[in-house]
């Protein structure tokens, strides 16, 4: 098996007292090949995955004693030579009320994706296990809400999280 990857990333930041903004672009190229010395028909000639991404994230903070607000948001657009375009994003608000102990309420909602690995696509195992070149990227939608009481170095946090997955890749052996 031969596998290699190259990537480049370019980004910039803009920062003020209450506001941050980052944005940039990245590129990744991965290649894969498999040579079976005993059964040449099982060999896999060179495959590659090229991915271009554009991303941005922002954070906004507002402090007006005894209240503090934070809002983080991000987005990313990916284009691949093999899979469809995908846009991922996240929004995460948080509110803090400062007293003898801080009361913090917050959460986030986000989606995401993950490309199948070359081994998931092209694995050549025995007759029981092999890759599937028709796999789709895994997709998810997640959200979380939480409440937190913070006192000095101690805290109590209660949270609820839910994740929904689509096209999840699971190997059974």
Protein backbone atom coordinates (compact mmCIF):
# COMPACT_ATOMS: atom_id res chain seq x y z
CA UNK A 1 0.00 0.00 0.00
CA UNK A 2 1.28 3.45 -0.85
CA UNK A 3 -0.41 6.55 0.50
CA UNK A 4 0.72 10.18 0.58
CA UNK A 5 -0.78 13.58 1.40
CA UNK A 6 0.15 17.21 0.82
CA UNK A 7 -1.64 20.29 2.07
CA UNK A 8 -1.36 24.07 2.25
CA UNK A 9 -3.28 26.60 4.32
CA UNK A 10 -3.48 30.38 4.17
CA UNK A 11 -5.45 32.41 6.68
CA UNK A 12 -5.61 35.82 8.30
CA UNK A 13 -7.06 37.32 11.48
CA UNK A 14 -8.76 40.58 12.32
CA UNK A 15 -8.97 41.37 16.03
CA UNK A 16 -10.52 44.15 18.06
CA UNK A 17 -11.34 44.33 21.75
CA UNK A 18 -14.79 42.65 21.48
CA UNK A 19 -14.60 41.11 18.00
CA UNK A 20 -12.41 38.52 16.28
CA UNK A 21 -12.66 37.32 12.70
CA UNK A 22 -10.51 34.66 11.00
CA UNK A 23 -10.85 33.50 7.43
CA UNK A 24 -8.80 31.57 4.96
CA UNK A 25 -8.43 28.86 2.35
CA UNK A 26 -6.80 25.45 2.31
CA UNK A 27 -5.95 22.73 -0.17
CA UNK A 28 -5.25 19.03 0.37
CA UNK A 29 -4.15 16.34 -2.08
CA UNK A 30 -4.06 12.66 -1.06
CA UNK A 31 -3.08 9.71 -3.21
CA UNK A 32 -3.41 5.95 -2.71
CA UNK A 33 -2.41 2.79 -4.53
CA UNK A 34 -2.32 -0.89 -3.65
CA UNK A 35 -0.18 -3.56 -5.26
CA UNK A 36 -0.98 -7.20 -4.60
CA UNK A 37 2.13 -9.23 -5.46
CA UNK A 38 0.32 -12.57 -5.34
CA UNK A 39 -2.85 -11.66 -7.23
CA UNK A 40 -2.23 -8.79 -9.63
CA UNK A 41 -5.97 -8.52 -10.42
CA UNK A 42 -6.54 -7.31 -6.84
CA UNK A 43 -4.13 -4.39 -7.28
CA UNK A 44 -5.54 -0.87 -7.29
CA UNK A 45 -3.97 1.71 -9.58
CA UNK A 46 -3.44 5.24 -8.30
CA UNK A 47 -6.48 6.98 -6.78
CA UNK A 48 -6.46 10.53 -5.51
CA UNK A 49 -8.63 12.94 -3.55
CA UNK A 50 -8.33 16.69 -4.00
CA UNK A 51 -10.10 19.05 -1.60
CA UNK A 52 -10.39 22.85 -1.61
CA UNK A 53 -11.79 24.62 1.44
CA UNK A 54 -12.82 28.17 2.31
CA UNK A 55 -13.51 28.94 5.95
CA UNK A 56 -14.31 31.74 8.34
CA UNK A 57 -15.00 32.06 12.04
CA UNK A 58 -15.99 34.93 14.25
CA UNK A 59 -16.26 35.62 17.97
CA UNK A 60 -18.12 38.49 19.57
CA UNK A 61 -17.94 39.31 23.29
CA UNK A 62 -19.90 41.93 25.17
CA UNK A 63 -19.22 42.64 28.85
CA UNK A 64 -21.57 44.83 30.87
CA UNK A 65 -21.23 43.90 34.55
CA UNK A 66 -22.78 41.66 35.83
CA UNK A 67 -23.56 40.17 32.40
CA UNK A 68 -21.23 38.77 29.77
CA UNK A 69 -22.34 37.60 26.32
CA UNK A 70 -20.30 35.49 23.91
CA UNK A 71 -21.24 34.43 20.42
CA UNK A 72 -19.04 32.23 18.25
CA UNK A 73 -19.93 31.28 14.70
CA UNK A 74 -18.06 29.53 11.92
CA UNK A 75 -18.65 28.24 8.41
CA UNK A 76 -16.67 26.21 5.91
CA UNK A 77 -17.25 25.27 2.28
CA UNK A 78 -15.47 22.23 0.80
CA UNK A 79 -15.14 21.14 -2.81
CA UNK A 80 -13.77 17.72 -3.72
CA UNK A 81 -12.97 15.99 -6.99
CA UNK A 82 -14.78 12.82 -5.79
CA UNK A 83 -17.65 13.89 -3.51
CA UNK A 84 -20.31 16.58 -3.68
CA UNK A 85 -19.67 20.07 -2.25
CA UNK A 86 -20.37 20.42 1.45
CA UNK A 87 -20.96 23.41 3.72
CA UNK A 88 -20.44 22.98 7.45
CA UNK A 89 -21.27 25.56 10.14
CA UNK A 90 -21.52 26.12 13.89
CA UNK A 91 -23.26 28.68 16.12
CA UNK A 92 -22.42 28.80 19.86
CA UNK A 93 -23.97 31.45 22.14
CA UNK A 94 -23.10 31.75 25.86
CA UNK A 95 -24.41 34.02 28.64
CA UNK A 96 -22.76 34.54 32.07
CA UNK A 97 -24.28 36.29 35.06
CA UNK A 98 -21.60 37.13 37.63
CA UNK A 99 -22.52 37.02 41.32
CA UNK A 100 -20.97 35.27 44.32
CA UNK A 101 -20.96 32.30 41.95
CA UNK A 102 -21.21 32.64 38.18
CA UNK A 103 -24.28 31.32 36.39
CA UNK A 104 -23.45 30.31 32.82
CA UNK A 105 -25.99 29.23 30.18
CA UNK A 106 -24.98 28.23 26.68
CA UNK A 107 -25.04 25.78 23.88
CA UNK A 108 -24.19 25.18 20.28
CA UNK A 109 -25.60 23.73 17.11
CA UNK A 110 -23.41 22.48 14.25
CA UNK A 111 -23.25 20.21 11.27
CA UNK A 112 -20.27 18.39 9.87
CA UNK A 113 -18.99 15.73 7.50
CA UNK A 114 -16.11 13.31 7.10
CA UNK A 115 -14.85 11.74 3.90
CA UNK A 116 -14.37 7.96 3.90
CA UNK A 117 -10.72 6.94 4.16
CA UNK A 118 -8.95 5.23 1.28
CA UNK A 119 -8.87 2.03 3.32
CA UNK A 120 -12.66 2.21 3.88
CA UNK A 121 -13.10 2.62 0.12
CA UNK A 122 -10.52 0.16 -1.22
CA UNK A 123 -9.46 -2.23 1.57
CA UNK A 124 -8.53 -5.66 0.20
CA UNK A 125 -8.94 -8.06 3.10
CA UNK A 126 -9.93 -11.66 3.01
CA UNK A 127 -13.24 -12.89 1.55
CA UNK A 128 -15.07 -11.64 4.67
CA UNK A 129 -13.82 -8.03 4.71
CA UNK A 130 -13.27 -5.57 1.88
CA UNK A 131 -13.69 -1.86 1.22
CA UNK A 132 -16.64 -0.29 -0.54
CA UNK A 133 -15.79 2.27 -3.28
CA UNK A 134 -19.43 3.49 -3.27
CA UNK A 135 -19.32 4.86 0.30
CA UNK A 136 -20.67 8.36 0.88
CA UNK A 137 -19.23 10.89 3.33
CA UNK A 138 -20.57 10.70 6.87
CA UNK A 139 -22.76 13.67 7.78
CA UNK A 140 -23.85 14.90 11.21
CA UNK A 141 -26.08 17.45 12.90
CA UNK A 142 -25.34 18.06 16.59
CA UNK A 143 -26.61 20.33 19.28
CA UNK A 144 -25.83 20.89 22.95
CA UNK A 145 -27.36 23.01 25.73
CA UNK A 146 -25.80 23.46 29.17
CA UNK A 147 -26.05 25.24 32.48
CA UNK A 148 -23.07 25.75 34.77
CA UNK A 149 -22.59 27.09 38.30
CA UNK A 150 -18.99 28.26 38.77
CA UNK A 151 -17.48 29.08 42.17
CA UNK A 152 -13.75 29.71 42.57
CA UNK A 153 -12.06 26.48 41.37
CA UNK A 154 -15.25 24.37 41.61
CA UNK A 155 -18.19 24.01 39.27
CA UNK A 156 -21.33 22.03 38.61
CA UNK A 157 -22.33 21.59 34.98
CA UNK A 158 -25.43 19.94 33.51
CA UNK A 159 -25.70 19.43 29.77
CA UNK A 160 -27.81 17.68 27.16
CA UNK A 161 -26.43 16.72 23.77
CA UNK A 162 -27.95 15.13 20.69
CA UNK A 163 -26.12 13.93 17.57
CA UNK A 164 -27.75 12.71 14.36
CA UNK A 165 -25.53 10.81 11.92
CA UNK A 166 -26.19 9.95 8.29
CA UNK A 167 -24.23 7.44 6.17
CA UNK A 168 -22.10 6.37 9.14
CA UNK A 169 -19.25 4.01 8.23
CA UNK A 170 -18.93 1.04 10.57
CA UNK A 171 -16.66 -1.96 10.09
CA UNK A 172 -17.91 -5.36 11.27
CA UNK A 173 -15.33 -8.10 11.61
